[in-house]
Amino acid sequence: IHQDIFEALEHLPDKFVDLVFVDPPYNLNKTFNLTSFKAMESEKYEEWLDSWVQKIIRLLKPTASVYICGDWKSSGAIFNVAKKYFQIQNRITFEREKGRGAKSNWKNCSEDIWFCTLSDDYHFDVEAVKMKRKVIAPYKDENGKPKDWEDNGDGKYRITHPSNVWTDITIPFWSMPENTDHPTQKPEKLVAKILLASSKPNDVVFDPFLGSGTTSVVAQKLGRKYVGIDIDELYCCLAEKRLENARQDKTVQGYSDGVFWERNTLNEQTNGNGKKHKVELAENLFSNKLV
């Protein structure tokens, strides 16, 4: 929906949304193509958050979940507003991997995502978001068999339950297929975790600050329905183009075989067998084939 959030919300029906993912402008001076957001006093930013959060409530089913992104400056205001309307279940912190250096402060390379629900009755599927991690100390039982890990011939891995600290997220950069010119684009992998954990196939996912369309794209790839709003026409067109591509390519980088992988494991992910892929890669290099 190409429209201002406050205008668009008035035309949406009651109680139709199962999951909300919100990545609002943080309390920073930021330009988004033809629109800009100016930093405010903390109290004013909190009032701005409250002005649209309260309008979203009527759209939610009683079992709905809400995820709201923020940085260290905006996170406190998000918490204050969220606790007025929702039950706060957790705060996820994800490592951005890259961040600007600072000579007089710690490098800022993390962001928060507040996980909220409308009630105690909500959907959460921890089995759908398990992590596959390399094993540093591969212990064996008394019979010499792997203890809580597996060896696929190209490394030792353990399937683990996710925590609220995510260190496997890669912010889209120029060589990644999902990368766009949007200045605050969230990775498809990050959104996929949230959609798989807190929604079911055919559920409705809503993003009131859609940007370049990542939430809708991931929803389509994972078999969810979606509604998104953005005020910028260019980003809406970009979202439509990405959705068109997603109808052909359902992959989410960092997610395969029903699990999420650590960073820098692309070779291992490709065929579900890292050794096989590396052999194929070498053969193609020697035969001058493009992989």
Protein backbone atom coordinates (compact mmCIF):
# COMPACT_ATOMS: atom_id res chain seq x y z
CA ILE A 1 0.00 0.00 0.00
CA HIS A 2 1.58 3.27 -1.12
CA GLN A 3 0.23 5.68 1.48
CA ASP A 4 0.97 7.45 4.75
CA ILE A 5 0.62 5.04 7.66
CA PHE A 6 -2.02 7.11 9.46
CA GLU A 7 -4.22 7.33 6.36
CA ALA A 8 -3.81 3.68 5.38
CA LEU A 9 -4.57 2.26 8.82
CA GLU A 10 -8.05 3.80 8.75
CA HIS A 11 -9.01 1.59 5.79
CA LEU A 12 -7.83 -1.77 7.16
CA PRO A 13 -10.26 -4.23 8.79
CA ASP A 14 -10.42 -5.25 12.44
CA LYS A 15 -8.71 -8.35 13.83
CA PHE A 16 -7.18 -9.71 10.63
CA VAL A 17 -3.45 -9.70 11.51
CA ASP A 18 -1.61 -12.68 13.03
CA LEU A 19 1.88 -11.16 13.18
CA VAL A 20 3.25 -7.62 13.03
CA PHE A 21 6.88 -6.90 12.17
CA VAL A 22 7.77 -3.22 12.57
CA ASP A 23 11.05 -1.57 11.68
CA PRO A 24 10.16 2.10 12.29
CA PRO A 25 12.49 5.04 11.76
CA TYR A 26 14.86 5.16 14.71
CA ASN A 27 15.27 8.44 16.55
CA LEU A 28 17.95 9.65 14.14
CA ASN A 29 18.28 12.11 11.29
CA LYS A 30 17.78 9.84 8.29
CA THR A 31 16.84 10.27 4.64
CA PHE A 32 14.74 7.59 2.93
CA ASN A 33 14.80 8.44 -0.78
CA LEU A 34 12.42 11.44 -1.00
CA THR A 35 11.35 11.47 2.65
CA SER A 36 13.30 12.32 5.78
CA PHE A 37 13.00 11.60 9.48
CA LYS A 38 14.38 14.10 11.98
CA ALA A 39 15.59 13.20 15.45
CA MET A 40 13.38 14.39 18.31
CA GLU A 41 13.56 14.76 22.05
CA SER A 42 13.03 11.35 23.65
CA GLU A 43 9.58 12.30 24.94
CA LYS A 44 8.46 13.47 21.50
CA TYR A 45 9.73 10.30 19.85
CA GLU A 46 7.82 8.23 22.39
CA GLU A 47 4.66 10.22 21.60
CA TRP A 48 5.19 9.59 17.89
CA LEU A 49 5.56 5.85 18.48
CA ASP A 50 2.42 5.82 20.61
CA SER A 51 0.43 7.67 17.93
CA TRP A 52 0.60 4.78 15.46
CA VAL A 53 1.00 1.80 17.81
CA GLN A 54 -2.38 2.51 19.39
CA LYS A 55 -4.00 2.50 15.93
CA ILE A 56 -2.58 -0.95 15.13
CA ILE A 57 -4.25 -2.64 18.11
CA ARG A 58 -7.66 -3.02 16.48
CA LEU A 59 -6.10 -4.81 13.49
CA LEU A 60 -4.74 -7.63 15.63
CA LYS A 61 -6.25 -11.00 16.32
CA PRO A 62 -6.35 -11.88 20.06
CA THR A 63 -3.50 -14.37 19.47
CA ALA A 64 -1.30 -11.93 17.52
CA SER A 65 2.40 -11.31 18.11
CA VAL A 66 4.25 -8.03 17.53
CA TYR A 67 7.97 -7.46 16.92
CA ILE A 68 9.36 -3.91 17.04
CA CYS A 69 12.93 -3.05 16.03
CA GLY A 70 15.07 -0.34 17.60
CA ASP A 71 18.61 0.77 18.33
CA TRP A 72 20.09 1.71 21.69
CA LYS A 73 18.70 5.24 21.49
CA SER A 74 15.13 4.30 20.58
CA SER A 75 14.82 1.00 22.44
CA GLY A 76 13.79 2.58 25.76
CA ALA A 77 10.98 4.55 24.14
CA ILE A 78 9.78 1.43 22.32
CA PHE A 79 9.66 -0.47 25.60
CA ASN A 80 7.67 2.30 27.31
CA VAL A 81 5.07 2.33 24.54
CA ALA A 82 4.93 -1.44 24.06
CA LYS A 83 4.24 -2.15 27.74
CA LYS A 84 1.13 0.07 27.56
CA TYR A 85 -0.54 -2.07 24.92
CA PHE A 86 1.13 -5.50 24.89
CA GLN A 87 2.63 -8.20 27.03
CA ILE A 88 6.37 -8.00 26.49
CA GLN A 89 7.74 -11.52 26.16
CA ASN A 90 11.41 -10.87 25.41
CA ARG A 91 14.03 -8.57 23.95
CA ILE A 92 16.13 -9.97 21.11
CA THR A 93 19.51 -8.40 20.47
CA PHE A 94 21.19 -9.07 17.15
CA GLU A 95 24.76 -8.33 16.14
CA ARG A 96 24.92 -6.27 12.97
CA GLU A 97 28.35 -7.72 12.10
CA LYS A 98 29.46 -4.42 10.67
CA GLY A 99 29.38 -1.04 12.35
CA ARG A 100 31.11 2.28 12.25
CA GLY A 101 34.25 2.62 14.30
CA ALA A 102 34.48 5.24 17.02
CA LYS A 103 37.53 6.82 18.62
CA SER A 104 35.73 8.07 21.72
CA ASN A 105 33.09 5.37 22.23
CA TRP A 106 32.33 1.69 21.75
CA LYS A 107 31.53 0.70 18.16
CA ASN A 108 27.77 0.47 17.68
CA CYS A 109 27.05 -2.92 16.08
CA SER A 110 23.88 -4.25 17.71
CA GLU A 111 20.14 -3.60 17.57
CA ASP A 112 17.12 -4.74 19.57
CA ILE A 113 13.84 -6.36 18.60
CA TRP A 114 11.06 -6.30 21.20
CA PHE A 115 8.90 -9.44 21.11
CA CYS A 116 5.37 -8.67 22.32
CA THR A 117 2.00 -10.39 22.31
CA LEU A 118 -1.57 -9.24 22.77
CA SER A 119 -2.25 -11.96 25.36
CA ASP A 120 -0.83 -15.13 26.90
CA ASP A 121 -2.42 -17.12 24.08
CA TYR A 122 0.04 -16.86 21.19
CA HIS A 123 1.84 -19.07 18.68
CA PHE A 124 5.56 -19.78 19.04
CA ASP A 125 7.28 -22.67 17.22
CA VAL A 126 10.81 -23.07 18.57
CA GLU A 127 11.35 -26.19 16.45
CA ALA A 128 11.07 -24.10 13.28
CA VAL A 129 13.99 -21.81 14.17
CA LYS A 130 16.72 -24.16 15.35
CA MET A 131 20.36 -23.28 14.71
CA LYS A 132 23.06 -25.48 13.20
CA ARG A 133 26.37 -24.65 14.87
CA LYS A 134 29.88 -25.97 14.52
CA VAL A 135 31.04 -28.03 17.49
CA ILE A 136 34.26 -26.86 19.11
CA ALA A 137 34.55 -29.70 21.63
CA PRO A 138 32.99 -32.83 20.04
CA TYR A 139 32.39 -35.06 23.06
CA LYS A 140 31.52 -38.74 22.62
CA ASP A 141 29.60 -41.12 24.85
CA GLU A 142 30.94 -44.31 26.42
CA ASN A 143 30.36 -46.16 23.15
CA GLY A 144 32.38 -43.67 21.13
CA LYS A 145 29.34 -42.19 19.41
CA PRO A 146 28.86 -38.43 18.96
CA LYS A 147 27.19 -36.88 21.98
CA ASP A 148 24.61 -34.32 20.92
CA TRP A 149 26.28 -33.60 17.55
CA GLU A 150 26.69 -35.08 14.07
CA ASP A 151 29.50 -35.38 11.53
CA ASN A 152 28.39 -34.89 7.92
CA GLY A 153 31.85 -35.54 6.50
CA ASP A 154 32.78 -31.88 6.31
CA GLY A 155 32.54 -30.79 9.91
CA LYS A 156 30.92 -31.48 13.23
CA TYR A 157 27.61 -29.73 13.91
CA ARG A 158 25.04 -29.47 16.67
CA ILE A 159 21.38 -28.50 16.30
CA THR A 160 20.52 -26.02 19.07
CA HIS A 161 17.55 -24.01 20.28
CA PRO A 162 17.82 -20.27 19.55
CA SER A 163 18.51 -17.70 22.25
CA ASN A 164 17.58 -14.03 22.38
CA VAL A 165 21.09 -13.04 21.23
CA TRP A 166 21.55 -13.51 17.48
CA THR A 167 25.12 -13.53 16.18
CA ASP A 168 24.44 -15.20 12.83
CA ILE A 169 22.88 -12.22 11.03
CA THR A 170 24.60 -10.63 8.02
CA ILE A 171 23.43 -7.16 7.01
CA PRO A 172 22.81 -7.13 3.21
CA PHE A 173 25.76 -5.79 1.24
CA TRP A 174 26.41 -5.16 -2.45
CA SER A 175 27.16 -8.75 -3.51
CA MET A 176 24.09 -10.32 -1.84
CA PRO A 177 21.09 -10.90 -4.15
CA GLU A 178 18.68 -9.41 -1.59
CA ASN A 179 20.58 -6.11 -1.28
CA THR A 180 18.78 -2.87 -2.21
CA ASP A 181 19.50 0.85 -1.91
CA HIS A 182 17.26 1.20 1.15
CA PRO A 183 19.44 2.62 3.98
CA THR A 184 18.02 0.49 6.80
CA GLN A 185 17.17 -2.78 5.06
CA LYS A 186 16.77 -5.76 7.38
CA PRO A 187 18.15 -9.16 6.28
CA GLU A 188 15.70 -11.75 4.96
CA LYS A 189 17.23 -14.25 7.37
CA LEU A 190 16.30 -12.11 10.37
CA VAL A 191 12.71 -11.69 9.22
CA ALA A 192 12.47 -15.41 8.37
CA LYS A 193 13.31 -16.34 11.96
CA ILE A 194 10.49 -14.19 13.27
CA LEU A 195 7.94 -15.38 10.72
CA LEU A 196 8.76 -19.06 11.24
CA ALA A 197 8.63 -18.74 15.03
CA SER A 198 5.52 -16.60 15.39
CA SER A 199 3.28 -17.42 12.43
CA LYS A 200 1.88 -20.39 10.57
CA PRO A 201 1.40 -20.98 6.84
CA ASN A 202 -1.36 -18.72 5.43
CA ASP A 203 -1.25 -16.41 8.47
CA VAL A 204 -1.38 -12.67 7.75
CA VAL A 205 1.84 -10.74 8.37
CA PHE A 206 1.64 -6.94 8.59
CA ASP A 207 4.45 -4.39 8.22
CA PRO A 208 3.42 -0.72 8.52
CA PHE A 209 6.90 0.55 7.52
CA LEU A 210 7.58 -1.85 4.66
CA GLY A 211 10.54 -0.06 3.08
CA SER A 212 12.00 -2.13 0.24
CA GLY A 213 9.64 -5.02 0.93
CA THR A 214 11.71 -7.54 2.90
CA THR A 215 8.83 -8.59 5.18
CA SER A 216 6.48 -9.22 2.25
CA VAL A 217 9.18 -11.04 0.28
CA VAL A 218 9.98 -13.39 3.14
CA ALA A 219 6.28 -13.93 3.86
CA GLN A 220 5.75 -14.99 0.25
CA LYS A 221 8.75 -17.31 0.31
CA LEU A 222 7.49 -18.98 3.50
CA GLY A 223 3.85 -19.30 2.46
CA ARG A 224 2.38 -16.47 4.55
CA LYS A 225 -0.03 -13.74 3.44
CA TYR A 226 1.14 -10.17 3.80
CA VAL A 227 0.10 -6.53 3.96
CA GLY A 228 2.65 -3.71 3.89
CA ILE A 229 2.54 0.08 3.93
CA ASP A 230 5.16 2.58 2.83
CA ILE A 231 4.96 6.27 2.06
CA ASP A 232 7.68 6.22 -0.61
CA GLU A 233 6.57 5.27 -4.14
CA LEU A 234 10.02 4.12 -5.25
CA TYR A 235 10.31 1.67 -2.37
CA CYS A 236 6.82 0.33 -3.10
CA CYS A 237 7.86 -0.31 -6.70
CA LEU A 238 11.05 -1.96 -5.49
CA ALA A 239 9.03 -4.18 -3.15
CA GLU A 240 6.81 -5.26 -6.06
CA LYS A 241 9.86 -6.13 -8.15
CA ARG A 242 11.35 -8.17 -5.30
CA LEU A 243 8.05 -9.99 -4.84
CA GLU A 244 8.06 -10.87 -8.53
CA ASN A 245 11.55 -12.36 -8.17
CA ALA A 246 10.56 -14.19 -4.99
CA ARG A 247 7.89 -16.12 -6.87
CA GLN A 248 10.72 -17.85 -8.72
CA ASP A 249 13.39 -17.94 -6.01
CA LYS A 250 12.19 -19.14 -2.59
CA THR A 251 15.62 -19.32 -0.97
CA VAL A 252 16.58 -17.38 2.16
CA GLN A 253 20.33 -17.02 2.57
CA GLY A 254 21.42 -18.68 5.80
CA TYR A 255 18.37 -20.97 5.99
CA SER A 256 18.29 -24.44 4.42
CA ASP A 257 17.27 -27.99 5.29
CA GLY A 258 14.85 -26.57 7.87
CA VAL A 259 17.56 -24.96 10.04
CA PHE A 260 19.41 -21.67 10.31
CA TRP A 261 23.16 -21.73 9.82
CA GLU A 262 25.98 -19.69 11.29
CA ARG A 263 27.75 -17.04 9.25
CA ASN A 264 30.36 -18.06 6.70
CA THR A 265 28.89 -21.53 6.09
CA LEU A 266 27.54 -21.01 2.56
CA ASN A 267 29.51 -23.93 1.10
CA GLU A 268 28.16 -26.29 3.73
CA GLN A 269 24.59 -25.12 3.13
CA THR A 270 24.43 -25.38 -0.63
CA ASN A 271 23.76 -29.08 -1.08
CA GLY A 272 23.23 -30.08 2.50
CA ASN A 273 26.72 -31.58 2.22
CA GLY A 274 29.70 -29.24 2.28
CA LYS A 275 32.19 -31.82 1.04
CA LYS A 276 30.12 -32.61 -2.02
CA HIS A 277 29.71 -28.96 -2.90
CA LYS A 278 33.42 -28.26 -2.58
CA VAL A 279 34.24 -31.19 -4.86
CA GLU A 280 31.74 -29.91 -7.44
CA LEU A 281 33.18 -26.42 -7.12
CA ALA A 282 36.71 -27.67 -7.81
CA GLU A 283 35.54 -29.74 -10.78
CA ASN A 284 33.74 -26.76 -12.28
CA LEU A 285 36.74 -24.51 -11.81
CA PHE A 286 38.97 -26.96 -13.67
CA SER A 287 36.42 -27.36 -16.46
CA ASN A 288 35.92 -23.55 -16.68
CA LYS A 289 32.25 -23.81 -15.77
CA LEU A 290 30.56 -20.95 -13.97
CA VAL A 291 29.12 -21.96 -10.59
